[in-house]
All heavy atoms as atom14 arrays in JSON, in Angstrom:
{
  "sequence": "ASGSIRSLNVMGWYRQAPGKQREIVATIN",
  "atom14_mask": [
    [1, 1, 1, 1, 1, 0, 0, 0, 0, 0, 0, 0, 0, 0],
    [1, 1, 1, 1, 1, 1, 0, 0, 0, 0, 0, 0, 0, 0],
    [1, 1, 1, 1, 0, 0, 0, 0, 0, 0, 0, 0, 0, 0],
    [1, 1, 1, 1, 1, 1, 0, 0, 0, 0, 0, 0, 0, 0],
    [1, 1, 1, 1, 1, 1, 1, 1, 0, 0, 0, 0, 0, 0],
    [1, 1, 1, 1, 1, 1, 1, 1, 1, 1, 1, 0, 0, 0],
    [1, 1, 1, 1, 1, 1, 0, 0, 0, 0, 0, 0, 0, 0],
    [1, 1, 1, 1, 1, 1, 1, 1, 0, 0, 0, 0, 0, 0],
    [1, 1, 1, 1, 1, 1, 1, 1, 0, 0, 0, 0, 0, 0],
    [1, 1, 1, 1, 1, 1, 1, 0, 0, 0, 0, 0, 0, 0],
    [1, 1, 1, 1, 1, 1, 1, 1, 0, 0, 0, 0, 0, 0],
    [1, 1, 1, 1, 0, 0, 0, 0, 0, 0, 0, 0, 0, 0],
    [1, 1, 1, 1, 1, 1, 1, 1, 1, 1, 1, 1, 1, 1],
    [1, 1, 1, 1, 1, 1, 1, 1, 1, 1, 1, 1, 0, 0],
    [1, 1, 1, 1, 1, 1, 1, 1, 1, 1, 1, 0, 0, 0],
    [1, 1, 1, 1, 1, 1, 1, 1, 1, 0, 0, 0, 0, 0],
    [1, 1, 1, 1, 1, 0, 0, 0, 0, 0, 0, 0, 0, 0],
    [1, 1, 1, 1, 1, 1, 1, 0, 0, 0, 0, 0, 0, 0],
    [1, 1, 1, 1, 0, 0, 0, 0, 0, 0, 0, 0, 0, 0],
    [1, 1, 1, 1, 1, 1, 1, 1, 1, 0, 0, 0, 0, 0],
    [1, 1, 1, 1, 1, 1, 1, 1, 1, 0, 0, 0, 0, 0],
    [1, 1, 1, 1, 1, 1, 1, 1, 1, 1, 1, 0, 0, 0],
    [1, 1, 1, 1, 1, 1, 1, 1, 1, 0, 0, 0, 0, 0],
    [1, 1, 1, 1, 1, 1, 1, 1, 0, 0, 0, 0, 0, 0],
    [1, 1, 1, 1, 1, 1, 1, 0, 0, 0, 0, 0, 0, 0],
    [1, 1, 1, 1, 1, 0, 0, 0, 0, 0, 0, 0, 0, 0],
    [1, 1, 1, 1, 1, 1, 1, 0, 0, 0, 0, 0, 0, 0],
    [1, 1, 1, 1, 1, 1, 1, 1, 0, 0, 0, 0, 0, 0],
    [1, 1, 1, 1, 1, 1, 1, 1, 0, 0, 0, 0, 0, 0]
  ],
  "atom14_positions": [
    [[0.83, -1.2, 0.0], [0.0, 0.0, 0.0], [0.87, 1.26, 0.0], [1.95, 1.27, 0.59], [-0.9, 0.0, 1.23], [0.0, 0.0, 0.0], [0.0, 0.0, 0.0], [0.0, 0.0, 0.0], [0.0, 0.0, 0.0], [0.0, 0.0, 0.0], [0.0, 0.0, 0.0], [0.0, 0.0, 0.0], [0.0, 0.0, 0.0], [0.0, 0.0, 0.0]],
    [[0.38, 2.28, -0.68], [1.14, 3.53, -0.77], [1.04, 4.35, 0.52], [1.8, 5.3, 0.69], [0.63, 4.37, -1.94], [-0.74, 4.67, -1.77], [0.0, 0.0, 0.0], [0.0, 0.0, 0.0], [0.0, 0.0, 0.0], [0.0, 0.0, 0.0], [0.0, 0.0, 0.0], [0.0, 0.0, 0.0], [0.0, 0.0, 0.0], [0.0, 0.0, 0.0]],
    [[0.11, 3.96, 1.38], [-0.05, 4.63, 2.66], [-0.31, 3.62, 3.75], [-0.25, 2.41, 3.53], [0.0, 0.0, 0.0], [0.0, 0.0, 0.0], [0.0, 0.0, 0.0], [0.0, 0.0, 0.0], [0.0, 0.0, 0.0], [0.0, 0.0, 0.0], [0.0, 0.0, 0.0], [0.0, 0.0, 0.0], [0.0, 0.0, 0.0], [0.0, 0.0, 0.0]],
    [[-0.63, 4.13, 4.92], [-0.87, 3.24, 6.05], [-2.12, 2.4, 5.87], [-3.14, 2.89, 5.38], [-1.01, 4.07, 7.33], [-1.36, 3.23, 8.42], [0.0, 0.0, 0.0], [0.0, 0.0, 0.0], [0.0, 0.0, 0.0], [0.0, 0.0, 0.0], [0.0, 0.0, 0.0], [0.0, 0.0, 0.0], [0.0, 0.0, 0.0], [0.0, 0.0, 0.0]],
    [[-2.01, 1.13, 6.24], [-3.16, 0.23, 6.18], [-3.74, -0.01, 7.56], [-4.65, -0.81, 7.74], [-2.83, -1.12, 5.51], [-1.77, -1.87, 6.3], [-2.42, -0.92, 4.07], [-1.56, -3.3, 5.82], [0.0, 0.0, 0.0], [0.0, 0.0, 0.0], [0.0, 0.0, 0.0], [0.0, 0.0, 0.0], [0.0, 0.0, 0.0], [0.0, 0.0, 0.0]],
    [[-3.21, 0.71, 8.57], [-3.69, 0.47, 9.94], [-5.18, 0.74, 10.07], [-5.87, 0.06, 10.83], [-2.91, 1.35, 10.92], [-1.46, 0.95, 11.06], [-0.74, 1.79, 12.1], [0.68, 1.48, 12.14], [1.2, 0.47, 12.81], [0.42, -0.33, 13.52], [2.5, 0.25, 12.8], [0.0, 0.0, 0.0], [0.0, 0.0, 0.0], [0.0, 0.0, 0.0]],
    [[-5.67, 1.72, 9.33], [-7.09, 2.06, 9.42], [-7.96, 1.15, 8.56], [-9.19, 1.21, 8.63], [-7.32, 3.51, 9.01], [-6.96, 3.7, 7.66], [0.0, 0.0, 0.0], [0.0, 0.0, 0.0], [0.0, 0.0, 0.0], [0.0, 0.0, 0.0], [0.0, 0.0, 0.0], [0.0, 0.0, 0.0], [0.0, 0.0, 0.0], [0.0, 0.0, 0.0]],
    [[-7.31, 0.34, 7.74], [-8.06, -0.6, 6.89], [-8.2, -1.9, 7.67], [-7.36, -2.8, 7.58], [-7.34, -0.81, 5.56], [-7.04, 0.46, 4.76], [-6.3, 0.13, 3.47], [-8.31, 1.23, 4.47], [0.0, 0.0, 0.0], [0.0, 0.0, 0.0], [0.0, 0.0, 0.0], [0.0, 0.0, 0.0], [0.0, 0.0, 0.0], [0.0, 0.0, 0.0]],
    [[-9.29, -1.99, 8.43], [-9.41, -3.08, 9.39], [-9.38, -4.46, 8.75], [-8.66, -5.35, 9.18], [-10.71, -2.92, 10.19], [-10.64, -1.72, 11.11], [-9.58, -1.32, 11.56], [-11.79, -1.12, 11.37], [0.0, 0.0, 0.0], [0.0, 0.0, 0.0], [0.0, 0.0, 0.0], [0.0, 0.0, 0.0], [0.0, 0.0, 0.0], [0.0, 0.0, 0.0]],
    [[-10.18, -4.63, 7.71], [-10.27, -5.94, 7.07], [-9.66, -5.86, 5.68], [-10.13, -5.08, 4.84], [-11.72, -6.44, 6.97], [-11.75, -7.87, 6.43], [-12.4, -6.36, 8.33], [0.0, 0.0, 0.0], [0.0, 0.0, 0.0], [0.0, 0.0, 0.0], [0.0, 0.0, 0.0], [0.0, 0.0, 0.0], [0.0, 0.0, 0.0], [0.0, 0.0, 0.0]],
    [[-8.62, -6.62, 5.46], [-7.99, -6.69, 4.14], [-8.25, -8.08, 3.57], [-8.35, -9.07, 4.31], [-6.5, -6.46, 4.24], [-6.12, -5.04, 4.66], [-6.62, -3.8, 3.44], [-5.68, -4.29, 2.0], [0.0, 0.0, 0.0], [0.0, 0.0, 0.0], [0.0, 0.0, 0.0], [0.0, 0.0, 0.0], [0.0, 0.0, 0.0], [0.0, 0.0, 0.0]],
    [[-8.35, -8.13, 2.27], [-8.63, -9.42, 1.64], [-7.9, -9.61, 0.33], [-7.46, -8.65, -0.29], [0.0, 0.0, 0.0], [0.0, 0.0, 0.0], [0.0, 0.0, 0.0], [0.0, 0.0, 0.0], [0.0, 0.0, 0.0], [0.0, 0.0, 0.0], [0.0, 0.0, 0.0], [0.0, 0.0, 0.0], [0.0, 0.0, 0.0], [0.0, 0.0, 0.0]],
    [[-7.79, -10.86, -0.03], [-7.3, -11.22, -1.37], [-8.48, -11.75, -2.16], [-9.3, -12.54, -1.63], [-6.21, -12.28, -1.29], [-4.88, -11.72, -0.93], [-4.31, -11.64, 0.31], [-3.93, -11.13, -1.83], [-3.08, -11.05, 0.24], [-2.81, -10.73, -1.07], [-3.91, -10.91, -3.2], [-1.69, -10.13, -1.64], [-2.81, -10.32, -3.77], [-1.71, -9.92, -2.98]],
    [[-8.55, -11.34, -3.41], [-9.6, -11.75, -4.32], [-8.94, -12.32, -5.56], [-7.76, -12.04, -5.83], [-10.47, -10.55, -4.72], [-11.16, -9.85, -3.56], [-10.44, -8.99, -2.73], [-12.51, -10.02, -3.31], [-11.06, -8.35, -1.66], [-13.14, -9.38, -2.26], [-12.4, -8.55, -1.44], [-13.03, -7.9, -0.39], [0.0, 0.0, 0.0], [0.0, 0.0, 0.0]],
    [[-9.7, -13.06, -6.34], [-9.16, -13.55, -7.61], [-10.26, -13.62, -8.64], [-11.44, -13.75, -8.31], [-8.5, -14.91, -7.44], [-9.45, -16.07, -7.11], [-8.65, -17.35, -6.86], [-9.54, -18.49, -6.57], [-9.08, -19.68, -6.19], [-7.77, -19.89, -6.06], [-9.94, -20.65, -5.95], [0.0, 0.0, 0.0], [0.0, 0.0, 0.0], [0.0, 0.0, 0.0]],
    [[-9.82, -13.52, -9.89], [-10.75, -13.63, -11.01], [-10.13, -14.5, -12.08], [-9.08, -14.15, -12.64], [-11.1, -12.26, -11.58], [-12.19, -12.31, -12.63], [-12.76, -10.95, -12.94], [-12.15, -9.92, -12.68], [-13.97, -10.92, -13.5], [0.0, 0.0, 0.0], [0.0, 0.0, 0.0], [0.0, 0.0, 0.0], [0.0, 0.0, 0.0], [0.0, 0.0, 0.0]],
    [[-10.77, -15.62, -12.31], [-10.32, -16.54, -13.35], [-11.0, -16.16, -14.66], [-12.06, -15.53, -14.66], [-10.67, -17.97, -12.97], [0.0, 0.0, 0.0], [0.0, 0.0, 0.0], [0.0, 0.0, 0.0], [0.0, 0.0, 0.0], [0.0, 0.0, 0.0], [0.0, 0.0, 0.0], [0.0, 0.0, 0.0], [0.0, 0.0, 0.0], [0.0, 0.0, 0.0]],
    [[-10.41, -16.54, -15.79], [-11.0, -16.21, -17.09], [-12.44, -16.7, -17.2], [-12.74, -17.85, -16.89], [-10.1, -16.94, -18.08], [-8.8, -17.08, -17.38], [-9.14, -17.27, -15.93], [0.0, 0.0, 0.0], [0.0, 0.0, 0.0], [0.0, 0.0, 0.0], [0.0, 0.0, 0.0], [0.0, 0.0, 0.0], [0.0, 0.0, 0.0], [0.0, 0.0, 0.0]],
    [[-13.32, -15.8, -17.59], [-14.72, -16.16, -17.78], [-15.52, -16.32, -16.51], [-16.68, -16.73, -16.55], [0.0, 0.0, 0.0], [0.0, 0.0, 0.0], [0.0, 0.0, 0.0], [0.0, 0.0, 0.0], [0.0, 0.0, 0.0], [0.0, 0.0, 0.0], [0.0, 0.0, 0.0], [0.0, 0.0, 0.0], [0.0, 0.0, 0.0], [0.0, 0.0, 0.0]],
    [[-14.91, -16.0, -15.37], [-15.6, -16.15, -14.09], [-15.66, -14.83, -13.34], [-14.91, -13.91, -13.63], [-14.9, -17.2, -13.23], [-14.95, -18.61, -13.8], [-14.39, -19.6, -12.8], [-14.49, -21.03, -13.33], [-13.95, -22.02, -12.35], [0.0, 0.0, 0.0], [0.0, 0.0, 0.0], [0.0, 0.0, 0.0], [0.0, 0.0, 0.0], [0.0, 0.0, 0.0]],
    [[-16.57, -14.77, -12.4], [-16.68, -13.57, -11.57], [-15.56, -13.53, -10.54], [-15.01, -14.56, -10.15], [-18.03, -13.55, -10.85], [-19.22, -13.26, -11.76], [-20.49, -13.01, -10.98], [-20.69, -13.58, -9.91], [-21.34, -12.16, -11.51], [0.0, 0.0, 0.0], [0.0, 0.0, 0.0], [0.0, 0.0, 0.0], [0.0, 0.0, 0.0], [0.0, 0.0, 0.0]],
    [[-15.24, -12.31, -10.11], [-14.24, -12.15, -9.08], [-14.76, -12.77, -7.78], [-15.93, -12.6, -7.44], [-13.94, -10.68, -8.87], [-12.68, -10.39, -8.09], [-12.34, -8.9, -8.15], [-12.02, -8.48, -9.51], [-11.7, -7.24, -9.82], [-11.7, -6.29, -8.89], [-11.4, -6.92, -11.07], [0.0, 0.0, 0.0], [0.0, 0.0, 0.0], [0.0, 0.0, 0.0]],
    [[-13.91, -13.49, -7.07], [-14.32, -14.13, -5.83], [-13.33, -13.82, -4.73], [-12.14, -13.58, -4.99], [-14.41, -15.65, -6.01], [-13.1, -16.32, -6.35], [-13.2, -17.84, -6.4], [-14.22, -18.4, -6.0], [-12.21, -18.46, -6.85], [0.0, 0.0, 0.0], [0.0, 0.0, 0.0], [0.0, 0.0, 0.0], [0.0, 0.0, 0.0], [0.0, 0.0, 0.0]],
    [[-13.82, -13.87, -3.51], [-12.94, -13.6, -2.38], [-12.22, -14.9, -2.02], [-12.81, -15.98, -2.05], [-13.72, -13.02, -1.19], [-12.77, -12.47, -0.14], [-14.69, -14.05, -0.61], [-13.42, -11.53, 0.84], [0.0, 0.0, 0.0], [0.0, 0.0, 0.0], [0.0, 0.0, 0.0], [0.0, 0.0, 0.0], [0.0, 0.0, 0.0], [0.0, 0.0, 0.0]],
    [[-10.94, -14.75, -1.68], [-10.11, -15.9, -1.37], [-9.82, -15.99, 0.12], [-9.93, -17.05, 0.73], [-8.78, -15.83, -2.16], [-7.84, -16.93, -1.73], [-9.06, -15.89, -3.66], [0.0, 0.0, 0.0], [0.0, 0.0, 0.0], [0.0, 0.0, 0.0], [0.0, 0.0, 0.0], [0.0, 0.0, 0.0], [0.0, 0.0, 0.0], [0.0, 0.0, 0.0]],
    [[-9.45, -14.84, 0.7], [-9.07, -14.83, 2.11], [-9.2, -13.43, 2.66], [-9.04, -12.46, 1.92], [-7.63, -15.33, 2.3], [0.0, 0.0, 0.0], [0.0, 0.0, 0.0], [0.0, 0.0, 0.0], [0.0, 0.0, 0.0], [0.0, 0.0, 0.0], [0.0, 0.0, 0.0], [0.0, 0.0, 0.0], [0.0, 0.0, 0.0], [0.0, 0.0, 0.0]],
    [[-9.48, -13.33, 3.95], [-9.53, -12.03, 4.62], [-8.78, -12.12, 5.94], [-8.62, -13.21, 6.52], [-10.97, -11.57, 4.91], [-11.6, -12.53, 5.76], [-11.76, -11.41, 3.63], [0.0, 0.0, 0.0], [0.0, 0.0, 0.0], [0.0, 0.0, 0.0], [0.0, 0.0, 0.0], [0.0, 0.0, 0.0], [0.0, 0.0, 0.0], [0.0, 0.0, 0.0]],
    [[-8.32, -10.94, 6.39], [-7.65, -10.87, 7.67], [-8.15, -9.63, 8.41], [-8.22, -8.54, 7.83], [-6.12, -10.85, 7.52], [-5.43, -10.87, 8.88], [-5.65, -9.69, 6.66], [-3.95, -11.2, 8.81], [0.0, 0.0, 0.0], [0.0, 0.0, 0.0], [0.0, 0.0, 0.0], [0.0, 0.0, 0.0], [0.0, 0.0, 0.0], [0.0, 0.0, 0.0]],
    [[-8.51, -9.82, 9.67], [-9.01, -8.74, 10.51], [-8.31, -8.89, 11.85], [-8.7, -9.73, 12.67], [-10.53, -8.84, 10.64], [-11.1, -7.72, 11.5], [-10.4, -6.79, 11.89], [-12.38, -7.79, 11.79], [0.0, 0.0, 0.0], [0.0, 0.0, 0.0], [0.0, 0.0, 0.0], [0.0, 0.0, 0.0], [0.0, 0.0, 0.0], [0.0, 0.0, 0.0]]
  ]
}
C-alpha cells in the first residue's frame, strides 16, 4: 500500500479466473 493500512481493518485477497466472476479468497481482521 502507498499509505498506512492500519485504518483498513479488514484486508482481503480476491481472484478472477477467465470467464468467471471475481471471488474472495481470504480475509484478515
